[in-house]
Amino acid sequence: MNMIDENGAASDSEAESLSDSDDNDITEKLSEPTKTAVYNRDGLLDKLQDISWPEDIDWTHKLTVEIEQGQAVDVNDDLAREMAFYTQALQGTRQAFQKLQEMGLPFLRPADYYAEMVKSDTHMEKVKSKLLCEKKQMEEMEERRKARDNKKMAKEVQSQKMKERAKQKKDEIESVKKWRKQRQQSGFSEKGGAGELDLEFGNGKSFQRGGGGKKRPGVSPGDRSGGKGKAASRMNNKKRQFRDSKFGHGGRKGLSKQNTAETTNDFKGGFRGGKAGGNKRQKR
């Protein structure tokens, strides 16, 4: 056991020494370049000039847009940094759009341009049918909700009307009771439950409808003409009978001179003889 512990301790110490030596080597390499390293500044600049865009090249080949940033942005602030990216992209898009329009270059996709989709038409049809089904379900749910709300509102309106009618009926009953009470206090009495007025005049007789029971002979109770209306009606009846006897009672007037079986077989009247066209003058 002691040997194992000693070996383990030795291995740990060796690993630490190796790591320290590696760190020292790295720091030395970073601080001092190696002897084989080549730093050719002129060659790097020449190569950069070879791979960079020429200065006289047309803008349509580069499509680069430069945006001047007004103020410095804190890179540690995520919201400010993302907002700066968004603003730069928006301004650059507007500048490029304006330049392309001024140059008259087509940069928008044509209306008849159809690119190959990543997903197949069958898959998109399934997605479309699913979306339409969900939309239909939402519309049906909305219709059912509206129907429930309308039914609830109708019940509330009906109950409100019933309450108003009950209140109106109660008010009318109260007004009738109040009116009867006022009549009793004023000295009116009700007979037979009909509520007739019992008024007494100077001779001690009460008022009665229908003129006190007097009836005129030959005059109907509702006749206010004093019996003249009946005579006029009799005269009208005579005129009506005379006119009926003279002109008939109406009915069908046409085809009155048309022959029937009886008139055809009746020879009592004879024939009206004579030459044809006897009424006409004979031509000389």
Protein backbone atom coordinates (compact mmCIF):
# COMPACT_ATOMS: atom_id res chain seq x y z
CA MET A 1 0.00 0.00 0.00
CA ASN A 2 2.82 2.37 0.80
CA MET A 3 4.41 1.67 -2.56
CA ILE A 4 1.15 2.44 -4.36
CA ASP A 5 0.78 5.70 -2.48
CA GLU A 6 4.34 6.66 -3.28
CA ASN A 7 3.87 5.84 -6.96
CA GLY A 8 0.60 7.83 -7.08
CA ALA A 9 2.19 10.84 -5.47
CA ALA A 10 5.11 10.63 -7.87
CA SER A 11 2.81 10.50 -10.89
CA ASP A 12 0.86 13.52 -9.67
CA SER A 13 4.01 15.51 -9.16
CA GLU A 14 5.27 14.57 -12.63
CA ALA A 15 1.96 15.64 -14.24
CA GLU A 16 2.10 18.99 -12.46
CA SER A 17 5.67 19.54 -13.56
CA LEU A 18 4.80 18.67 -17.17
CA SER A 19 1.83 21.05 -17.18
CA ASP A 20 3.97 23.82 -15.76
CA SER A 21 6.63 23.21 -18.41
CA ASP A 22 3.98 23.25 -21.19
CA ASP A 23 2.57 26.52 -19.90
CA ASN A 24 6.03 28.01 -19.85
CA ASP A 25 6.66 26.83 -23.42
CA ILE A 26 3.37 28.32 -24.61
CA THR A 27 4.05 31.63 -22.96
CA GLU A 28 7.47 31.65 -24.47
CA LYS A 29 6.06 30.90 -27.93
CA LEU A 30 3.48 33.63 -27.61
CA SER A 31 5.90 36.17 -26.29
CA GLU A 32 8.76 35.43 -28.68
CA PRO A 33 8.25 34.21 -32.27
CA THR A 34 10.16 31.19 -33.45
CA LYS A 35 13.25 31.46 -35.55
CA THR A 36 11.50 29.87 -38.55
CA ALA A 37 8.58 32.36 -38.51
CA VAL A 38 8.38 34.69 -41.51
CA TYR A 39 6.72 38.10 -41.33
CA ASN A 40 6.60 39.47 -44.87
CA ARG A 41 4.55 42.65 -44.66
CA ASP A 42 4.99 43.64 -48.28
CA GLY A 43 3.94 40.19 -49.49
CA LEU A 44 0.80 40.24 -47.34
CA LEU A 45 -0.20 43.65 -48.65
CA ASP A 46 0.36 42.51 -52.22
CA LYS A 47 -1.78 39.42 -51.67
CA LEU A 48 -4.51 41.53 -50.07
CA GLN A 49 -4.46 43.82 -53.08
CA ASP A 50 -4.79 40.82 -55.39
CA ILE A 51 -7.85 39.35 -53.66
CA SER A 52 -9.57 42.68 -52.89
CA TRP A 53 -12.12 44.40 -55.16
CA PRO A 54 -10.69 46.86 -57.66
CA GLU A 55 -11.53 50.47 -57.06
CA ASP A 56 -12.99 51.06 -60.53
CA ILE A 57 -15.32 48.04 -60.47
CA ASP A 58 -19.04 48.59 -60.89
CA TRP A 59 -21.24 48.67 -57.78
CA THR A 60 -23.52 45.97 -59.15
CA HIS A 61 -20.72 43.42 -58.69
CA LYS A 62 -20.15 44.29 -55.04
CA LEU A 63 -23.59 45.45 -53.79
CA THR A 64 -21.93 46.88 -50.70
CA VAL A 65 -23.64 49.54 -48.63
CA GLU A 66 -21.83 51.61 -46.02
CA ILE A 67 -23.75 52.88 -43.02
CA GLU A 68 -22.33 55.54 -40.74
CA GLN A 69 -23.01 54.86 -37.11
CA GLY A 70 -23.96 58.00 -35.25
CA GLN A 71 -22.93 57.08 -31.74
CA ALA A 72 -21.00 54.31 -30.07
CA VAL A 73 -22.89 51.23 -28.89
CA ASP A 74 -22.10 49.26 -25.77
CA VAL A 75 -21.33 45.74 -26.99
CA ASN A 76 -22.22 44.30 -23.59
CA ASP A 77 -25.79 45.65 -23.83
CA ASP A 78 -27.71 42.99 -25.78
CA LEU A 79 -30.74 45.15 -26.50
CA ALA A 80 -28.72 48.14 -27.74
CA ARG A 81 -26.47 45.90 -29.85
CA GLU A 82 -29.37 44.09 -31.55
CA MET A 83 -31.14 47.40 -32.13
CA ALA A 84 -28.01 48.77 -33.82
CA PHE A 85 -27.89 45.70 -36.09
CA TYR A 86 -31.55 46.15 -37.00
CA THR A 87 -31.13 49.87 -37.74
CA GLN A 88 -28.06 49.30 -39.93
CA ALA A 89 -29.78 46.54 -41.90
CA LEU A 90 -32.88 48.66 -42.45
CA GLN A 91 -30.94 51.72 -43.60
CA GLY A 92 -28.74 49.62 -45.90
CA THR A 93 -31.79 47.98 -47.48
CA ARG A 94 -33.36 51.35 -48.16
CA GLN A 95 -30.18 52.70 -49.76
CA ALA A 96 -29.73 49.61 -51.94
CA PHE A 97 -33.41 49.73 -52.98
CA GLN A 98 -33.07 53.38 -54.00
CA LYS A 99 -29.84 52.75 -55.95
CA LEU A 100 -31.30 49.80 -57.84
CA GLN A 101 -34.39 51.81 -58.74
CA GLU A 102 -32.27 54.71 -60.00
CA MET A 103 -30.15 52.34 -62.10
CA GLY A 104 -33.25 50.64 -63.51
CA LEU A 105 -32.08 47.13 -62.66
CA PRO A 106 -34.62 44.36 -62.00
CA PHE A 107 -34.14 43.13 -58.46
CA LEU A 108 -37.62 41.91 -57.47
CA ARG A 109 -38.80 38.38 -58.14
CA PRO A 110 -41.10 38.13 -61.19
CA ALA A 111 -44.73 37.26 -60.65
CA ASP A 112 -44.42 34.09 -62.77
CA TYR A 113 -41.29 32.85 -61.03
CA TYR A 114 -41.77 29.52 -59.28
CA ALA A 115 -38.88 28.12 -57.31
CA GLU A 116 -38.61 24.52 -56.22
CA MET A 117 -39.97 24.17 -52.72
CA VAL A 118 -38.17 22.32 -49.98
CA LYS A 119 -41.34 20.41 -49.11
CA SER A 120 -43.50 18.57 -51.63
CA ASP A 121 -46.93 19.69 -52.78
CA THR A 122 -48.56 16.71 -51.05
CA HIS A 123 -47.11 17.75 -47.73
CA MET A 124 -48.19 21.35 -48.25
CA GLU A 125 -51.71 20.19 -49.15
CA LYS A 126 -51.86 18.31 -45.86
CA VAL A 127 -50.68 21.40 -44.00
CA LYS A 128 -53.24 23.55 -45.82
CA SER A 129 -56.09 21.13 -45.09
CA LYS A 130 -55.10 21.02 -41.43
CA LEU A 131 -55.02 24.81 -41.21
CA LEU A 132 -58.42 25.07 -42.90
CA CYS A 133 -59.85 22.45 -40.52
CA GLU A 134 -58.53 24.36 -37.52
CA LYS A 135 -59.96 27.60 -38.91
CA LYS A 136 -63.35 25.97 -39.43
CA GLN A 137 -63.34 24.59 -35.90
CA MET A 138 -62.51 28.02 -34.51
CA GLU A 139 -65.36 29.58 -36.53
CA GLU A 140 -67.80 26.93 -35.29
CA MET A 141 -66.70 27.51 -31.71
CA GLU A 142 -67.18 31.25 -32.19
CA GLU A 143 -70.67 30.69 -33.64
CA ARG A 144 -71.64 28.46 -30.72
CA ARG A 145 -70.34 31.03 -28.28
CA LYS A 146 -72.35 33.78 -29.99
CA ALA A 147 -75.47 31.58 -29.95
CA ARG A 148 -75.04 30.97 -26.21
CA ASP A 149 -74.56 34.68 -25.58
CA ASN A 150 -77.63 35.56 -27.66
CA LYS A 151 -79.72 32.95 -25.86
CA LYS A 152 -78.59 34.25 -22.51
CA MET A 153 -79.32 37.82 -23.57
CA ALA A 154 -82.79 36.80 -24.83
CA LYS A 155 -83.56 35.16 -21.49
CA GLU A 156 -82.47 38.27 -19.65
CA VAL A 157 -84.60 40.50 -21.89
CA GLN A 158 -87.61 38.20 -21.47
CA SER A 159 -87.24 38.14 -17.70
CA GLN A 160 -86.91 41.93 -17.69
CA LYS A 161 -90.11 42.27 -19.74
CA MET A 162 -91.95 39.90 -17.42
CA LYS A 163 -90.84 41.97 -14.45
CA GLU A 164 -91.98 45.17 -16.16
CA ARG A 165 -95.38 43.64 -16.99
CA ALA A 166 -95.82 42.40 -13.43
CA LYS A 167 -94.88 45.82 -12.10
CA GLN A 168 -97.28 47.54 -14.52
CA LYS A 169 -100.10 45.17 -13.53
CA LYS A 170 -99.42 45.79 -9.87
CA ASP A 171 -99.42 49.56 -10.43
CA GLU A 172 -102.73 49.35 -12.30
CA ILE A 173 -104.31 47.29 -9.52
CA GLU A 174 -103.06 49.76 -6.94
CA SER A 175 -104.44 52.68 -8.96
CA VAL A 176 -107.86 50.97 -9.23
CA LYS A 177 -107.91 50.31 -5.49
CA LYS A 178 -106.97 53.90 -4.82
CA TRP A 179 -109.71 55.14 -7.17
CA ARG A 180 -112.34 52.96 -5.45
CA LYS A 181 -111.23 54.19 -2.07
CA GLN A 182 -111.51 57.80 -3.23
CA ARG A 183 -115.04 57.11 -4.55
CA GLN A 184 -116.10 55.61 -1.25
CA GLN A 185 -114.70 58.59 0.60
CA SER A 186 -116.53 60.95 -1.80
CA GLY A 187 -119.94 59.35 -1.05
CA PHE A 188 -120.40 57.02 -4.02
CA SER A 189 -121.72 53.53 -3.31
CA GLU A 190 -121.38 50.44 -5.45
CA LYS A 191 -124.43 48.33 -6.25
CA GLY A 192 -124.21 44.77 -7.44
CA GLY A 193 -120.48 45.08 -7.80
CA ALA A 194 -120.91 46.93 -11.12
CA GLY A 195 -119.92 50.32 -9.79
CA GLU A 196 -123.01 52.21 -11.06
CA LEU A 197 -123.46 55.78 -9.95
CA ASP A 198 -126.44 56.35 -7.61
CA LEU A 199 -127.40 59.99 -8.11
CA GLU A 200 -130.62 61.39 -6.61
CA PHE A 201 -132.35 64.43 -8.08
CA GLY A 202 -134.81 66.90 -6.56
CA ASN A 203 -137.87 64.64 -7.00
CA GLY A 204 -136.16 61.81 -5.15
CA LYS A 205 -135.78 59.62 -8.23
CA SER A 206 -132.45 58.23 -9.17
CA PHE A 207 -130.93 58.48 -12.59
CA GLN A 208 -131.69 55.54 -14.87
CA ARG A 209 -130.41 54.80 -18.31
CA GLY A 210 -132.77 54.44 -21.22
CA GLY A 211 -135.02 57.43 -20.44
CA GLY A 212 -136.72 55.96 -17.39
CA GLY A 213 -138.26 52.99 -19.18
CA LYS A 214 -140.47 55.02 -21.58
CA LYS A 215 -140.75 53.50 -25.03
CA ARG A 216 -142.25 55.22 -28.05
CA PRO A 217 -144.47 53.05 -30.24
CA GLY A 218 -142.96 52.16 -33.58
CA VAL A 219 -139.54 53.47 -32.66
CA SER A 220 -136.61 51.20 -31.97
CA PRO A 221 -134.63 51.82 -28.78
CA GLY A 222 -131.53 52.90 -30.66
CA ASP A 223 -133.36 55.12 -33.17
CA ARG A 224 -132.69 58.83 -32.59
CA SER A 225 -134.65 60.08 -35.61
CA GLY A 226 -138.02 59.88 -33.88
CA GLY A 227 -139.41 57.19 -36.17
CA LYS A 228 -138.63 59.01 -39.41
CA GLY A 229 -135.90 56.62 -40.28
CA LYS A 230 -138.33 53.72 -40.44
CA ALA A 231 -140.70 55.56 -42.83
CA ALA A 232 -137.79 56.44 -45.03
CA SER A 233 -136.76 52.82 -45.04
CA ARG A 234 -140.30 51.79 -46.09
CA MET A 235 -140.21 54.30 -48.94
CA ASN A 236 -136.89 52.98 -50.00
CA ASN A 237 -138.31 49.47 -49.97
CA LYS A 238 -141.15 50.50 -52.34
CA LYS A 239 -138.72 52.12 -54.73
CA ARG A 240 -136.58 49.03 -54.59
CA GLN A 241 -139.53 46.76 -55.42
CA PHE A 242 -140.55 48.94 -58.37
CA ARG A 243 -137.09 48.95 -59.80
CA ASP A 244 -136.72 45.23 -59.31
CA SER A 245 -139.98 44.60 -61.18
CA LYS A 246 -138.88 46.90 -64.00
CA PHE A 247 -135.21 46.03 -64.39
CA GLY A 248 -134.99 42.68 -62.71
CA HIS A 249 -132.75 41.49 -59.96
CA GLY A 250 -129.54 41.60 -61.90
CA GLY A 251 -127.74 38.50 -63.01
CA ARG A 252 -126.57 37.41 -66.42
CA LYS A 253 -127.70 39.67 -69.27
CA GLY A 254 -125.72 38.29 -72.18
CA LEU A 255 -126.97 35.54 -74.53
CA SER A 256 -130.60 36.38 -73.70
CA LYS A 257 -131.61 36.09 -77.40
CA GLN A 258 -129.74 32.89 -78.06
CA ASN A 259 -131.81 29.95 -79.33
CA THR A 260 -132.43 26.97 -77.13
CA ALA A 261 -133.99 23.57 -77.81
CA GLU A 262 -137.45 24.88 -76.92
CA THR A 263 -137.27 28.01 -79.08
CA THR A 264 -135.90 26.03 -82.01
CA ASN A 265 -138.84 23.56 -81.98
CA ASP A 266 -141.44 26.31 -81.44
CA PHE A 267 -143.07 27.24 -84.81
CA LYS A 268 -145.93 29.32 -83.44
CA GLY A 269 -144.24 32.57 -84.13
CA GLY A 270 -143.79 31.70 -87.81
CA PHE A 271 -141.08 33.03 -90.07
CA ARG A 272 -140.54 36.51 -91.27
CA GLY A 273 -140.78 36.03 -95.00
CA GLY A 274 -139.81 38.35 -97.72
CA LYS A 275 -137.13 38.83 -100.22
CA ALA A 276 -133.61 38.84 -99.12
CA GLY A 277 -132.59 42.32 -98.42
CA GLY A 278 -136.18 43.59 -98.51
CA ASN A 279 -135.34 46.49 -96.30
CA LYS A 280 -132.75 47.65 -98.74
CA ARG A 281 -133.55 49.71 -101.82
CA GLN A 282 -133.61 47.84 -105.04
CA LYS A 283 -131.08 49.00 -107.52
CA ARG A 284 -132.45 50.04 -110.90
